N, C-alpha and C. Protein backbone atom coordinates (compact mmCIF):
# COMPACT_ATOMS: atom_id res chain seq x y z
N MET A 1 -9.68 98.70 79.92
CA MET A 1 -9.87 98.53 78.51
C MET A 1 -8.59 97.93 77.91
N GLY A 2 -8.71 96.73 77.36
CA GLY A 2 -7.56 96.08 76.74
C GLY A 2 -6.72 95.25 77.69
N GLY A 3 -6.78 95.53 78.99
CA GLY A 3 -6.01 94.78 79.96
C GLY A 3 -6.86 93.71 80.62
N MET A 4 -6.19 92.81 81.31
CA MET A 4 -6.93 91.75 81.99
C MET A 4 -7.06 92.12 83.46
N SER A 5 -8.28 92.06 83.95
CA SER A 5 -8.51 92.36 85.36
C SER A 5 -8.26 91.11 86.20
N ILE A 6 -8.35 91.26 87.50
CA ILE A 6 -8.10 90.14 88.41
C ILE A 6 -9.12 89.03 88.21
N THR A 7 -10.34 89.38 87.86
CA THR A 7 -11.36 88.34 87.64
C THR A 7 -11.03 87.51 86.40
N HIS A 8 -10.49 88.13 85.37
CA HIS A 8 -10.07 87.37 84.20
C HIS A 8 -8.97 86.37 84.55
N TRP A 9 -7.99 86.82 85.35
CA TRP A 9 -6.89 85.94 85.75
C TRP A 9 -7.39 84.79 86.62
N LEU A 10 -8.34 85.04 87.51
CA LEU A 10 -8.89 83.98 88.36
C LEU A 10 -9.66 82.95 87.53
N ILE A 11 -10.44 83.41 86.57
CA ILE A 11 -11.17 82.49 85.69
C ILE A 11 -10.19 81.65 84.89
N LEU A 12 -9.14 82.26 84.38
CA LEU A 12 -8.12 81.52 83.62
C LEU A 12 -7.43 80.48 84.50
N LEU A 13 -7.14 80.84 85.73
CA LEU A 13 -6.51 79.90 86.67
C LEU A 13 -7.41 78.71 86.96
N VAL A 14 -8.69 78.96 87.17
CA VAL A 14 -9.65 77.88 87.44
C VAL A 14 -9.74 76.94 86.23
N ILE A 15 -9.76 77.49 85.04
CA ILE A 15 -9.82 76.66 83.83
C ILE A 15 -8.57 75.79 83.69
N ILE A 16 -7.41 76.36 83.97
CA ILE A 16 -6.16 75.59 83.88
C ILE A 16 -6.15 74.46 84.90
N VAL A 17 -6.58 74.74 86.13
CA VAL A 17 -6.62 73.70 87.17
C VAL A 17 -7.60 72.61 86.77
N LEU A 18 -8.74 72.97 86.21
CA LEU A 18 -9.72 71.96 85.79
C LEU A 18 -9.18 71.10 84.64
N LEU A 19 -8.45 71.72 83.73
CA LEU A 19 -7.93 70.96 82.59
C LEU A 19 -6.79 70.01 82.99
N PHE A 20 -5.87 70.50 83.77
CA PHE A 20 -4.68 69.71 84.07
C PHE A 20 -4.73 69.00 85.41
N GLY A 21 -5.47 69.48 86.34
CA GLY A 21 -5.51 68.88 87.67
C GLY A 21 -4.36 69.39 88.52
N THR A 22 -4.56 69.31 89.82
CA THR A 22 -3.56 69.85 90.73
C THR A 22 -2.29 68.99 90.79
N LYS A 23 -2.43 67.68 90.60
CA LYS A 23 -1.26 66.80 90.68
C LYS A 23 -0.29 67.09 89.54
N LYS A 24 -0.80 67.23 88.33
CA LYS A 24 0.07 67.53 87.20
C LYS A 24 0.72 68.90 87.35
N LEU A 25 -0.05 69.86 87.86
CA LEU A 25 0.51 71.20 88.04
C LEU A 25 1.60 71.20 89.11
N THR A 26 1.43 70.40 90.17
CA THR A 26 2.45 70.30 91.20
C THR A 26 3.71 69.67 90.64
N ASN A 27 3.55 68.60 89.86
CA ASN A 27 4.71 67.95 89.24
C ASN A 27 5.40 68.89 88.27
N LEU A 28 4.62 69.64 87.52
CA LEU A 28 5.19 70.59 86.58
C LEU A 28 5.99 71.67 87.31
N GLY A 29 5.47 72.15 88.43
CA GLY A 29 6.19 73.15 89.22
C GLY A 29 7.51 72.61 89.73
N GLY A 30 7.52 71.37 90.21
CA GLY A 30 8.77 70.76 90.68
C GLY A 30 9.77 70.57 89.56
N ASP A 31 9.29 70.18 88.39
CA ASP A 31 10.17 70.00 87.24
C ASP A 31 10.79 71.32 86.80
N VAL A 32 9.98 72.35 86.79
CA VAL A 32 10.49 73.67 86.40
C VAL A 32 11.52 74.16 87.41
N ALA A 33 11.26 73.96 88.69
CA ALA A 33 12.20 74.38 89.73
C ALA A 33 13.54 73.65 89.61
N SER A 34 13.50 72.34 89.37
CA SER A 34 14.76 71.60 89.24
C SER A 34 15.49 71.99 87.95
N ALA A 35 14.76 72.31 86.90
CA ALA A 35 15.40 72.75 85.67
C ALA A 35 16.11 74.09 85.88
N ILE A 36 15.49 74.98 86.63
CA ILE A 36 16.11 76.28 86.91
C ILE A 36 17.37 76.09 87.76
N LYS A 37 17.30 75.20 88.76
CA LYS A 37 18.47 74.93 89.60
C LYS A 37 19.62 74.37 88.77
N ASN A 38 19.31 73.42 87.88
CA ASN A 38 20.35 72.84 87.03
C ASN A 38 20.94 73.87 86.08
N PHE A 39 20.10 74.76 85.57
CA PHE A 39 20.57 75.82 84.68
C PHE A 39 21.53 76.75 85.41
N LYS A 40 21.17 77.16 86.63
CA LYS A 40 22.04 78.04 87.41
C LYS A 40 23.36 77.34 87.75
N LYS A 41 23.28 76.05 88.08
CA LYS A 41 24.49 75.30 88.40
C LYS A 41 25.39 75.20 87.17
N GLY A 42 24.79 75.01 86.00
CA GLY A 42 25.57 74.95 84.77
C GLY A 42 26.25 76.28 84.47
N LEU A 43 25.57 77.38 84.74
CA LEU A 43 26.19 78.69 84.54
C LEU A 43 27.36 78.89 85.49
N GLN A 44 27.21 78.47 86.73
CA GLN A 44 28.30 78.60 87.70
C GLN A 44 29.48 77.72 87.30
N ASP A 45 29.22 76.52 86.79
CA ASP A 45 30.28 75.63 86.36
C ASP A 45 31.05 76.24 85.19
N ASP A 46 30.33 76.87 84.26
CA ASP A 46 30.99 77.51 83.13
C ASP A 46 31.85 78.68 83.59
N ASP A 47 31.36 79.45 84.56
CA ASP A 47 32.15 80.56 85.09
C ASP A 47 33.40 80.05 85.77
N ASP A 48 33.30 78.95 86.51
CA ASP A 48 34.46 78.38 87.19
C ASP A 48 35.50 77.90 86.19
N LYS A 49 35.07 77.34 85.08
CA LYS A 49 36.00 76.83 84.07
C LYS A 49 36.66 77.96 83.30
N SER A 50 35.96 79.08 83.12
CA SER A 50 36.51 80.17 82.33
C SER A 50 37.49 81.03 83.12
N GLN A 51 37.39 81.03 84.46
CA GLN A 51 38.31 81.81 85.27
C GLN A 51 39.53 80.97 85.59
N PRO A 52 40.74 81.55 85.48
CA PRO A 52 41.94 80.78 85.81
C PRO A 52 41.98 80.47 87.30
N GLN A 53 42.44 79.29 87.60
CA GLN A 53 42.53 78.84 88.99
C GLN A 53 43.83 79.36 89.59
N LEU A 54 43.77 79.81 90.82
CA LEU A 54 44.96 80.27 91.53
C LEU A 54 45.47 79.13 92.40
N LYS A 55 46.78 78.95 92.39
CA LYS A 55 47.38 77.85 93.12
C LYS A 55 48.54 78.39 93.95
N ALA A 56 48.65 77.96 95.19
CA ALA A 56 49.72 78.42 96.08
C ALA A 56 51.04 77.76 95.72
N ASP A 57 52.14 78.42 96.09
CA ASP A 57 53.47 77.83 95.88
C ASP A 57 53.56 76.52 96.64
N PRO A 58 54.28 75.54 96.11
CA PRO A 58 54.40 74.25 96.82
C PRO A 58 55.13 74.38 98.15
N ALA A 59 56.12 75.25 98.24
CA ALA A 59 56.87 75.41 99.49
C ALA A 59 57.11 76.89 99.75
N PRO A 60 56.10 77.62 100.22
CA PRO A 60 56.31 79.06 100.41
C PRO A 60 57.30 79.37 101.53
N GLY A 61 57.47 78.49 102.50
CA GLY A 61 58.42 78.72 103.58
C GLY A 61 59.86 78.62 103.12
N ALA A 62 60.11 77.79 102.10
CA ALA A 62 61.47 77.59 101.63
C ALA A 62 61.97 78.81 100.87
N THR A 63 61.11 79.48 100.14
CA THR A 63 61.55 80.62 99.34
C THR A 63 61.23 81.94 100.02
N GLY A 64 60.37 81.92 101.03
CA GLY A 64 59.98 83.14 101.70
C GLY A 64 58.90 83.90 100.94
N SER A 65 58.36 83.32 99.91
CA SER A 65 57.34 83.97 99.08
C SER A 65 55.96 83.44 99.45
N THR A 66 55.00 84.33 99.53
CA THR A 66 53.62 83.89 99.79
C THR A 66 52.71 84.24 98.62
N GLU A 67 53.29 84.55 97.48
CA GLU A 67 52.50 84.89 96.30
C GLU A 67 51.85 83.64 95.73
N THR A 68 50.80 83.85 94.97
CA THR A 68 50.15 82.74 94.30
C THR A 68 50.46 82.82 92.81
N LYS A 69 50.49 81.67 92.18
CA LYS A 69 50.77 81.60 90.75
C LYS A 69 49.50 81.21 90.01
N ARG A 70 49.38 81.67 88.78
CA ARG A 70 48.27 81.24 87.93
C ARG A 70 48.63 79.92 87.27
N GLU A 71 47.66 79.08 87.23
CA GLU A 71 47.85 77.79 86.58
C GLU A 71 47.80 77.97 85.09
N ASN A 72 48.76 77.39 84.38
CA ASN A 72 48.76 77.51 82.92
C ASN A 72 47.75 76.54 82.34
N THR A 73 46.70 77.09 81.77
CA THR A 73 45.67 76.27 81.15
C THR A 73 45.52 76.73 79.72
N PRO A 74 45.34 75.79 78.80
CA PRO A 74 45.17 76.19 77.40
C PRO A 74 43.85 76.93 77.21
N GLN A 75 43.90 77.99 76.46
CA GLN A 75 42.70 78.76 76.15
C GLN A 75 42.10 78.18 74.87
N GLY A 76 40.81 77.92 74.89
CA GLY A 76 40.26 77.31 73.69
C GLY A 76 38.86 77.46 73.59
């Protein structure tokens, strides 16, 4: 009562396939997948830019230090 049963979902799926066709639905699925991939890549790029980059000393053998320094980047 009030919910959709499996038969309702199957009828809805058949109507959508008849209206749009399988080729358009396949293209739409590929477009959605590539959009999600680009969105995730954009989020990772933003995370990489917001975290300070660590850089090794130019000559750690000369000073005997193996520590890493933070790169000075303007915050903005």
